Amino acid sequence: MRPAAFRYALRGVALAFGAEANMRIHLAVAEVVVYLAVVEGVDAARWAMLILAIAFVLALELVNTAVERAVDLTVGTRQERLAAAAKDAAAGAVLIGAVGAAAVGFVLLWPGLFRLASVPGRPPLELGFLVLLVALVLTFRPAVRRRGPGQ
């Protein structure tokens, strides 16, 4: 990937995280999943599955955002059935991906969470909860609007 293309891609990701509440919600859920996976000590294969599921949902949300923006640019404020159908289909793809990712997380993490509660001598989870809380607060902080020259 060319450096400029990489920069544009990162800008698109940053814009989506800044402008789309659903993107921040998916990120918060991903943070919880990562926290639970770290606490449980998942193996490399389960990490790979969790990372792919998280990346899949975030990528679908980016595609959904792109479809919404393109449709809005094309139809403006007019109400168009086909435009609504395109936006609904893109949102439906995110929903299916998110439900599938949740099922993957449930299957991979649920059994170990019961074991964690009964392990004597395990370090307290309070520090981990504090780190998770900070990550969630940072995820949902208001987006900082930067002003360009002359604004």
N, C-alpha and C. Protein backbone atom coordinates (compact mmCIF):
# COMPACT_ATOMS: atom_id res chain seq x y z
N MET A 1 0.84 -1.17 0.00
CA MET A 1 0.00 0.00 0.00
C MET A 1 0.89 1.24 0.00
N ARG A 2 0.59 2.17 -0.86
CA ARG A 2 1.35 3.43 -0.92
C ARG A 2 1.15 4.21 0.37
N PRO A 3 2.13 5.00 0.77
CA PRO A 3 1.99 5.80 2.00
C PRO A 3 0.77 6.71 1.99
N ALA A 4 0.47 7.34 0.86
CA ALA A 4 -0.69 8.22 0.78
C ALA A 4 -1.98 7.42 0.97
N ALA A 5 -2.07 6.26 0.34
CA ALA A 5 -3.27 5.43 0.47
C ALA A 5 -3.45 4.97 1.91
N PHE A 6 -2.34 4.62 2.56
CA PHE A 6 -2.40 4.21 3.96
C PHE A 6 -2.89 5.38 4.82
N ARG A 7 -2.39 6.58 4.54
CA ARG A 7 -2.80 7.77 5.28
C ARG A 7 -4.30 8.03 5.09
N TYR A 8 -4.80 7.90 3.86
CA TYR A 8 -6.22 8.11 3.58
C TYR A 8 -7.07 7.07 4.32
N ALA A 9 -6.61 5.84 4.33
CA ALA A 9 -7.34 4.78 5.02
C ALA A 9 -7.42 5.06 6.52
N LEU A 10 -6.31 5.47 7.10
CA LEU A 10 -6.31 5.80 8.53
C LEU A 10 -7.21 7.00 8.82
N ARG A 11 -7.22 7.97 7.90
CA ARG A 11 -8.11 9.12 8.08
C ARG A 11 -9.57 8.67 8.06
N GLY A 12 -9.90 7.75 7.16
CA GLY A 12 -11.27 7.24 7.11
C GLY A 12 -11.68 6.53 8.39
N VAL A 13 -10.76 5.74 8.94
CA VAL A 13 -11.03 5.05 10.20
C VAL A 13 -11.22 6.07 11.32
N ALA A 14 -10.34 7.07 11.38
CA ALA A 14 -10.44 8.08 12.43
C ALA A 14 -11.74 8.88 12.31
N LEU A 15 -12.13 9.22 11.09
CA LEU A 15 -13.38 9.95 10.90
C LEU A 15 -14.58 9.12 11.35
N ALA A 16 -14.56 7.84 11.03
CA ALA A 16 -15.68 6.98 11.44
C ALA A 16 -15.76 6.87 12.96
N PHE A 17 -14.61 6.71 13.61
CA PHE A 17 -14.63 6.62 15.08
C PHE A 17 -15.08 7.93 15.69
N GLY A 18 -14.74 9.04 15.06
CA GLY A 18 -15.13 10.34 15.61
C GLY A 18 -16.58 10.69 15.37
N ALA A 19 -17.14 10.24 14.25
CA ALA A 19 -18.48 10.67 13.86
C ALA A 19 -19.58 9.63 14.11
N GLU A 20 -19.23 8.38 14.20
CA GLU A 20 -20.25 7.33 14.28
C GLU A 20 -20.33 6.74 15.68
N ALA A 21 -21.47 6.93 16.33
CA ALA A 21 -21.67 6.39 17.68
C ALA A 21 -21.59 4.86 17.67
N ASN A 22 -22.13 4.24 16.63
CA ASN A 22 -22.10 2.77 16.58
C ASN A 22 -20.68 2.24 16.49
N MET A 23 -19.79 2.97 15.83
CA MET A 23 -18.39 2.54 15.75
C MET A 23 -17.78 2.55 17.15
N ARG A 24 -18.10 3.57 17.93
CA ARG A 24 -17.57 3.64 19.30
C ARG A 24 -18.18 2.55 20.18
N ILE A 25 -19.42 2.21 19.94
CA ILE A 25 -20.05 1.12 20.69
C ILE A 25 -19.36 -0.20 20.36
N HIS A 26 -19.11 -0.45 19.08
CA HIS A 26 -18.41 -1.68 18.69
C HIS A 26 -17.01 -1.72 19.31
N LEU A 27 -16.34 -0.58 19.34
CA LEU A 27 -15.01 -0.53 19.95
C LEU A 27 -15.09 -0.83 21.44
N ALA A 28 -16.09 -0.30 22.12
CA ALA A 28 -16.25 -0.56 23.56
C ALA A 28 -16.49 -2.04 23.81
N VAL A 29 -17.32 -2.66 23.00
CA VAL A 29 -17.56 -4.10 23.14
C VAL A 29 -16.27 -4.86 22.89
N ALA A 30 -15.51 -4.44 21.88
CA ALA A 30 -14.22 -5.09 21.59
C ALA A 30 -13.28 -4.96 22.78
N GLU A 31 -13.28 -3.81 23.44
CA GLU A 31 -12.43 -3.62 24.61
C GLU A 31 -12.81 -4.59 25.73
N VAL A 32 -14.10 -4.78 25.93
CA VAL A 32 -14.56 -5.73 26.95
C VAL A 32 -14.11 -7.14 26.59
N VAL A 33 -14.26 -7.51 25.32
CA VAL A 33 -13.87 -8.85 24.87
C VAL A 33 -12.37 -9.06 25.07
N VAL A 34 -11.57 -8.07 24.70
CA VAL A 34 -10.12 -8.18 24.87
C VAL A 34 -9.78 -8.31 26.35
N TYR A 35 -10.43 -7.53 27.19
CA TYR A 35 -10.20 -7.62 28.64
C TYR A 35 -10.51 -9.03 29.14
N LEU A 36 -11.66 -9.56 28.76
CA LEU A 36 -12.04 -10.90 29.21
C LEU A 36 -11.07 -11.96 28.68
N ALA A 37 -10.61 -11.79 27.45
CA ALA A 37 -9.66 -12.74 26.88
C ALA A 37 -8.33 -12.69 27.62
N VAL A 38 -7.89 -11.50 28.00
CA VAL A 38 -6.64 -11.37 28.76
C VAL A 38 -6.80 -12.01 30.13
N VAL A 39 -7.91 -11.73 30.79
CA VAL A 39 -8.15 -12.28 32.12
C VAL A 39 -8.19 -13.80 32.07
N GLU A 40 -8.83 -14.32 31.04
CA GLU A 40 -8.94 -15.78 30.93
C GLU A 40 -7.65 -16.42 30.45
N GLY A 41 -6.81 -15.67 29.78
CA GLY A 41 -5.57 -16.24 29.26
C GLY A 41 -5.80 -17.13 28.06
N VAL A 42 -6.54 -16.64 27.08
CA VAL A 42 -6.87 -17.47 25.92
C VAL A 42 -5.61 -17.82 25.13
N ASP A 43 -5.67 -18.93 24.43
CA ASP A 43 -4.53 -19.38 23.62
C ASP A 43 -4.52 -18.64 22.27
N ALA A 44 -3.48 -18.87 21.50
CA ALA A 44 -3.28 -18.15 20.25
C ALA A 44 -4.42 -18.38 19.24
N ALA A 45 -4.91 -19.59 19.17
CA ALA A 45 -5.98 -19.88 18.22
C ALA A 45 -7.25 -19.11 18.57
N ARG A 46 -7.59 -19.08 19.85
CA ARG A 46 -8.78 -18.32 20.26
C ARG A 46 -8.56 -16.82 20.08
N TRP A 47 -7.33 -16.33 20.34
CA TRP A 47 -7.04 -14.92 20.08
C TRP A 47 -7.28 -14.60 18.61
N ALA A 48 -6.80 -15.46 17.74
CA ALA A 48 -6.96 -15.23 16.30
C ALA A 48 -8.43 -15.13 15.93
N MET A 49 -9.24 -16.02 16.46
CA MET A 49 -10.68 -15.99 16.15
C MET A 49 -11.33 -14.73 16.69
N LEU A 50 -10.97 -14.33 17.91
CA LEU A 50 -11.54 -13.12 18.49
C LEU A 50 -11.12 -11.88 17.71
N ILE A 51 -9.85 -11.81 17.33
CA ILE A 51 -9.36 -10.66 16.57
C ILE A 51 -10.05 -10.58 15.22
N LEU A 52 -10.21 -11.71 14.55
CA LEU A 52 -10.91 -11.70 13.26
C LEU A 52 -12.37 -11.27 13.41
N ALA A 53 -13.03 -11.74 14.46
CA ALA A 53 -14.43 -11.35 14.68
C ALA A 53 -14.53 -9.85 14.94
N ILE A 54 -13.63 -9.31 15.76
CA ILE A 54 -13.65 -7.87 16.05
C ILE A 54 -13.35 -7.08 14.78
N ALA A 55 -12.33 -7.47 14.04
CA ALA A 55 -11.97 -6.76 12.81
C ALA A 55 -13.11 -6.82 11.79
N PHE A 56 -13.79 -7.95 11.72
CA PHE A 56 -14.91 -8.12 10.79
C PHE A 56 -16.02 -7.12 11.09
N VAL A 57 -16.38 -6.98 12.35
CA VAL A 57 -17.45 -6.05 12.73
C VAL A 57 -17.03 -4.61 12.46
N LEU A 58 -15.81 -4.25 12.83
CA LEU A 58 -15.35 -2.88 12.60
C LEU A 58 -15.27 -2.57 11.11
N ALA A 59 -14.82 -3.53 10.31
CA ALA A 59 -14.77 -3.33 8.86
C ALA A 59 -16.18 -3.17 8.27
N LEU A 60 -17.12 -3.98 8.73
CA LEU A 60 -18.50 -3.84 8.26
C LEU A 60 -19.07 -2.48 8.63
N GLU A 61 -18.75 -1.99 9.81
CA GLU A 61 -19.24 -0.68 10.23
C GLU A 61 -18.64 0.42 9.35
N LEU A 62 -17.38 0.26 8.95
CA LEU A 62 -16.77 1.23 8.03
C LEU A 62 -17.47 1.21 6.67
N VAL A 63 -17.78 0.02 6.17
CA VAL A 63 -18.49 -0.09 4.90
C VAL A 63 -19.88 0.53 5.03
N ASN A 64 -20.55 0.27 6.14
CA ASN A 64 -21.87 0.85 6.38
C ASN A 64 -21.79 2.38 6.38
N THR A 65 -20.78 2.92 7.03
CA THR A 65 -20.60 4.36 7.06
C THR A 65 -20.37 4.91 5.65
N ALA A 66 -19.55 4.22 4.86
CA ALA A 66 -19.29 4.66 3.49
C ALA A 66 -20.57 4.63 2.65
N VAL A 67 -21.38 3.58 2.80
CA VAL A 67 -22.64 3.49 2.06
C VAL A 67 -23.56 4.62 2.47
N GLU A 68 -23.68 4.87 3.77
CA GLU A 68 -24.55 5.95 4.25
C GLU A 68 -24.11 7.30 3.68
N ARG A 69 -22.81 7.57 3.71
CA ARG A 69 -22.31 8.85 3.21
C ARG A 69 -22.53 8.98 1.70
N ALA A 70 -22.26 7.92 0.97
CA ALA A 70 -22.45 7.96 -0.49
C ALA A 70 -23.91 8.16 -0.85
N VAL A 71 -24.81 7.47 -0.16
CA VAL A 71 -26.23 7.62 -0.44
C VAL A 71 -26.68 9.03 -0.08
N ASP A 72 -26.27 9.53 1.08
CA ASP A 72 -26.65 10.89 1.48
C ASP A 72 -26.14 11.92 0.48
N LEU A 73 -24.93 11.73 -0.01
CA LEU A 73 -24.36 12.65 -1.00
C LEU A 73 -25.17 12.62 -2.29
N THR A 74 -25.65 11.44 -2.66
CA THR A 74 -26.37 11.28 -3.92
C THR A 74 -27.79 11.82 -3.85
N VAL A 75 -28.52 11.50 -2.79
CA VAL A 75 -29.94 11.86 -2.75
C VAL A 75 -30.21 13.11 -1.92
N GLY A 76 -29.23 13.56 -1.13
CA GLY A 76 -29.43 14.75 -0.32
C GLY A 76 -30.53 14.54 0.70
N THR A 77 -31.47 15.46 0.77
CA THR A 77 -32.55 15.37 1.76
C THR A 77 -33.80 14.70 1.20
N ARG A 78 -33.79 14.34 -0.08
CA ARG A 78 -34.95 13.65 -0.66
C ARG A 78 -35.13 12.28 -0.01
N GLN A 79 -36.36 11.87 0.10
CA GLN A 79 -36.68 10.53 0.60
C GLN A 79 -36.80 9.60 -0.60
N GLU A 80 -35.89 8.67 -0.72
CA GLU A 80 -35.88 7.73 -1.84
C GLU A 80 -35.94 6.31 -1.29
N ARG A 81 -36.86 5.50 -1.83
CA ARG A 81 -37.00 4.12 -1.38
C ARG A 81 -35.73 3.31 -1.59
N LEU A 82 -35.11 3.43 -2.74
CA LEU A 82 -33.91 2.66 -3.03
C LEU A 82 -32.75 3.09 -2.14
N ALA A 83 -32.67 4.37 -1.86
CA ALA A 83 -31.60 4.86 -0.98
C ALA A 83 -31.80 4.28 0.43
N ALA A 84 -33.03 4.30 0.89
CA ALA A 84 -33.31 3.72 2.22
C ALA A 84 -33.01 2.23 2.23
N ALA A 85 -33.34 1.55 1.14
CA ALA A 85 -33.08 0.11 1.07
C ALA A 85 -31.58 -0.18 1.11
N ALA A 86 -30.78 0.64 0.42
CA ALA A 86 -29.33 0.46 0.43
C ALA A 86 -28.77 0.67 1.83
N LYS A 87 -29.21 1.72 2.49
CA LYS A 87 -28.73 2.00 3.84
C LYS A 87 -29.16 0.91 4.81
N ASP A 88 -30.40 0.45 4.67
CA ASP A 88 -30.89 -0.62 5.55
C ASP A 88 -30.12 -1.92 5.34
N ALA A 89 -29.81 -2.22 4.09
CA ALA A 89 -29.05 -3.44 3.80
C ALA A 89 -27.65 -3.37 4.40
N ALA A 90 -27.01 -2.22 4.29
CA ALA A 90 -25.67 -2.06 4.87
C ALA A 90 -25.73 -2.19 6.40
N ALA A 91 -26.75 -1.60 7.00
CA ALA A 91 -26.92 -1.72 8.46
C ALA A 91 -27.22 -3.18 8.83
N GLY A 92 -27.98 -3.86 8.00
CA GLY A 92 -28.27 -5.27 8.25
C GLY A 92 -27.02 -6.13 8.20
N ALA A 93 -26.10 -5.80 7.31
CA ALA A 93 -24.83 -6.53 7.24
C ALA A 93 -24.05 -6.37 8.54
N VAL A 94 -24.06 -5.16 9.09
CA VAL A 94 -23.37 -4.93 10.37
C VAL A 94 -24.04 -5.74 11.47
N LEU A 95 -25.37 -5.75 11.48
CA LEU A 95 -26.10 -6.50 12.50
C LEU A 95 -25.75 -7.99 12.44
N ILE A 96 -25.77 -8.56 11.25
CA ILE A 96 -25.45 -9.99 11.11
C ILE A 96 -24.01 -10.25 11.55
N GLY A 97 -23.08 -9.39 11.14
CA GLY A 97 -21.69 -9.54 11.56
C GLY A 97 -21.52 -9.43 13.06
N ALA A 98 -22.22 -8.47 13.68
CA ALA A 98 -22.11 -8.28 15.13
C ALA A 98 -22.70 -9.46 15.89
N VAL A 99 -23.82 -9.99 15.43
CA VAL A 99 -24.42 -11.16 16.09
C VAL A 99 -23.49 -12.37 15.95
N GLY A 100 -22.91 -12.55 14.77
CA GLY A 100 -21.96 -13.64 14.57
C GLY A 100 -20.73 -13.48 15.46
N ALA A 101 -20.21 -12.26 15.55
CA ALA A 101 -19.04 -12.01 16.41
C ALA A 101 -19.38 -12.24 17.87
N ALA A 102 -20.58 -11.85 18.28
CA ALA A 102 -21.00 -12.08 19.66
C ALA A 102 -21.08 -13.58 19.94
N ALA A 103 -21.57 -14.34 18.97
CA ALA A 103 -21.64 -15.80 19.15
C ALA A 103 -20.24 -16.39 19.28
N VAL A 104 -19.31 -15.91 18.46
CA VAL A 104 -17.92 -16.38 18.55
C VAL A 104 -17.36 -16.08 19.94
N GLY A 105 -17.53 -14.84 20.39
CA GLY A 105 -17.04 -14.46 21.72
C GLY A 105 -17.67 -15.28 22.81
N PHE A 106 -18.95 -15.52 22.71
CA PHE A 106 -19.66 -16.31 23.72
C PHE A 106 -19.10 -17.73 23.78
N VAL A 107 -18.95 -18.34 22.62
CA VAL A 107 -18.46 -19.73 22.57
C VAL A 107 -17.02 -19.82 23.11
N LEU A 108 -16.19 -18.84 22.76
CA LEU A 108 -14.79 -18.90 23.14
C LEU A 108 -14.52 -18.47 24.58
N LEU A 109 -15.32 -17.57 25.12
CA LEU A 109 -15.01 -17.00 26.44
C LEU A 109 -15.89 -17.49 27.57
N TRP A 110 -17.10 -17.87 27.29
CA TRP A 110 -18.04 -18.21 28.35
C TRP A 110 -17.56 -19.32 29.29
N PRO A 111 -17.08 -20.45 28.78
CA PRO A 111 -16.68 -21.53 29.71
C PRO A 111 -15.58 -21.10 30.68
N GLY A 112 -14.63 -20.34 30.21
CA GLY A 112 -13.52 -19.94 31.07
C GLY A 112 -13.90 -18.93 32.12
N LEU A 113 -14.95 -18.17 31.90
CA LEU A 113 -15.33 -17.16 32.88
C LEU A 113 -15.84 -17.80 34.17
N PHE A 114 -16.46 -18.96 34.06
CA PHE A 114 -16.88 -19.67 35.27
C PHE A 114 -15.67 -20.18 36.04
N ARG A 115 -14.65 -20.65 35.31
CA ARG A 115 -13.43 -21.13 35.98
C ARG A 115 -12.72 -20.00 36.71
N LEU A 116 -12.72 -18.80 36.13
CA LEU A 116 -12.02 -17.67 36.74
C LEU A 116 -12.54 -17.35 38.13
N ALA A 117 -13.82 -17.49 38.30
CA ALA A 117 -14.43 -17.13 39.58
C ALA A 117 -13.99 -18.08 40.69
N SER A 118 -13.51 -19.24 40.36
CA SER A 118 -13.20 -20.23 41.39
C SER A 118 -11.71 -20.54 41.53
N VAL A 119 -10.82 -19.72 40.95
CA VAL A 119 -9.38 -19.98 41.03
C VAL A 119 -8.80 -19.27 42.25
N PRO A 120 -8.34 -20.04 43.26
CA PRO A 120 -7.75 -19.39 44.43
C PRO A 120 -6.37 -18.83 44.10
N GLY A 121 -6.03 -17.73 44.73
CA GLY A 121 -4.72 -17.13 44.54
C GLY A 121 -4.59 -16.30 43.28
N ARG A 122 -5.66 -16.16 42.52
CA ARG A 122 -5.62 -15.32 41.31
C ARG A 122 -5.58 -13.86 41.75
N PRO A 123 -4.79 -13.03 41.06
CA PRO A 123 -4.73 -11.61 41.43
C PRO A 123 -6.11 -10.97 41.38
N PRO A 124 -6.34 -9.96 42.18
CA PRO A 124 -7.66 -9.31 42.17
C PRO A 124 -7.95 -8.68 40.81
N LEU A 125 -9.21 -8.72 40.44
CA LEU A 125 -9.60 -8.22 39.13
C LEU A 125 -9.90 -6.72 39.15
N GLU A 126 -9.83 -6.07 40.33
CA GLU A 126 -10.19 -4.66 40.44
C GLU A 126 -9.33 -3.78 39.53
N LEU A 127 -8.02 -4.05 39.46
CA LEU A 127 -7.15 -3.25 38.61
C LEU A 127 -7.56 -3.40 37.15
N GLY A 128 -7.87 -4.61 36.76
CA GLY A 128 -8.32 -4.84 35.39
C GLY A 128 -9.61 -4.11 35.10
N PHE A 129 -10.53 -4.12 36.05
CA PHE A 129 -11.79 -3.39 35.86
C PHE A 129 -11.54 -1.89 35.73
N LEU A 130 -10.58 -1.37 36.51
CA LEU A 130 -10.25 0.04 36.44
C LEU A 130 -9.68 0.38 35.06
N VAL A 131 -8.78 -0.44 34.56
CA VAL A 131 -8.21 -0.22 33.22
C VAL A 131 -9.32 -0.27 32.17
N LEU A 132 -10.22 -1.25 32.29
CA LEU A 132 -11.33 -1.36 31.36
C LEU A 132 -12.22 -0.13 31.43
N LEU A 133 -12.50 0.35 32.62
CA LEU A 133 -13.34 1.53 32.78
C LEU A 133 -12.70 2.74 32.10
N VAL A 134 -11.41 2.94 32.29
CA VAL A 134 -10.70 4.06 31.65
C VAL A 134 -10.79 3.92 30.13
N ALA A 135 -10.59 2.72 29.61
CA ALA A 135 -10.67 2.50 28.16
C ALA A 135 -12.06 2.83 27.64
N LEU A 136 -13.10 2.43 28.38
CA LEU A 136 -14.47 2.71 27.94
C LEU A 136 -14.76 4.21 27.99
N VAL A 137 -14.29 4.90 29.03
CA VAL A 137 -14.50 6.35 29.13
C VAL A 137 -13.82 7.05 27.96
N LEU A 138 -12.59 6.64 27.65
CA LEU A 138 -11.88 7.24 26.52
C LEU A 138 -12.58 6.95 25.20
N THR A 139 -13.20 5.79 25.09
CA THR A 139 -13.93 5.44 23.87
C THR A 139 -15.12 6.35 23.65
N PHE A 140 -15.82 6.69 24.73
CA PHE A 140 -17.06 7.46 24.60
C PHE A 140 -16.88 8.94 24.88
N ARG A 141 -15.63 9.42 25.00
CA ARG A 141 -15.45 10.85 25.22
C ARG A 141 -15.95 11.59 23.99
N PRO A 142 -16.39 12.83 24.19
CA PRO A 142 -16.87 13.59 23.02
C PRO A 142 -15.74 13.78 22.02
N ALA A 143 -16.10 13.73 20.76
CA ALA A 143 -15.10 13.91 19.70
C ALA A 143 -14.58 15.34 19.75
N VAL A 144 -13.27 15.48 19.59
CA VAL A 144 -12.66 16.79 19.56
C VAL A 144 -12.71 17.30 18.13
N ARG A 145 -13.32 18.45 17.95
CA ARG A 145 -13.41 19.04 16.61
C ARG A 145 -12.20 19.94 16.39
N ARG A 146 -11.47 19.68 15.35
CA ARG A 146 -10.32 20.51 15.03
C ARG A 146 -10.74 21.52 13.97
N ARG A 147 -10.30 22.71 14.15
CA ARG A 147 -10.62 23.75 13.19
C ARG A 147 -9.47 23.91 12.21
N GLY A 148 -9.85 24.05 10.99
CA GLY A 148 -8.83 24.29 9.97
C GLY A 148 -8.52 25.78 9.88
N PRO A 149 -7.58 26.16 9.05
CA PRO A 149 -7.23 27.57 8.90
C PRO A 149 -8.42 28.38 8.42
N GLY A 150 -8.62 29.53 9.03
CA GLY A 150 -9.70 30.43 8.61
C GLY A 150 -11.06 30.06 9.13
N GLN A 151 -11.16 29.12 10.05
CA GLN A 151 -12.48 28.75 10.59
C GLN A 151 -12.69 29.31 11.96
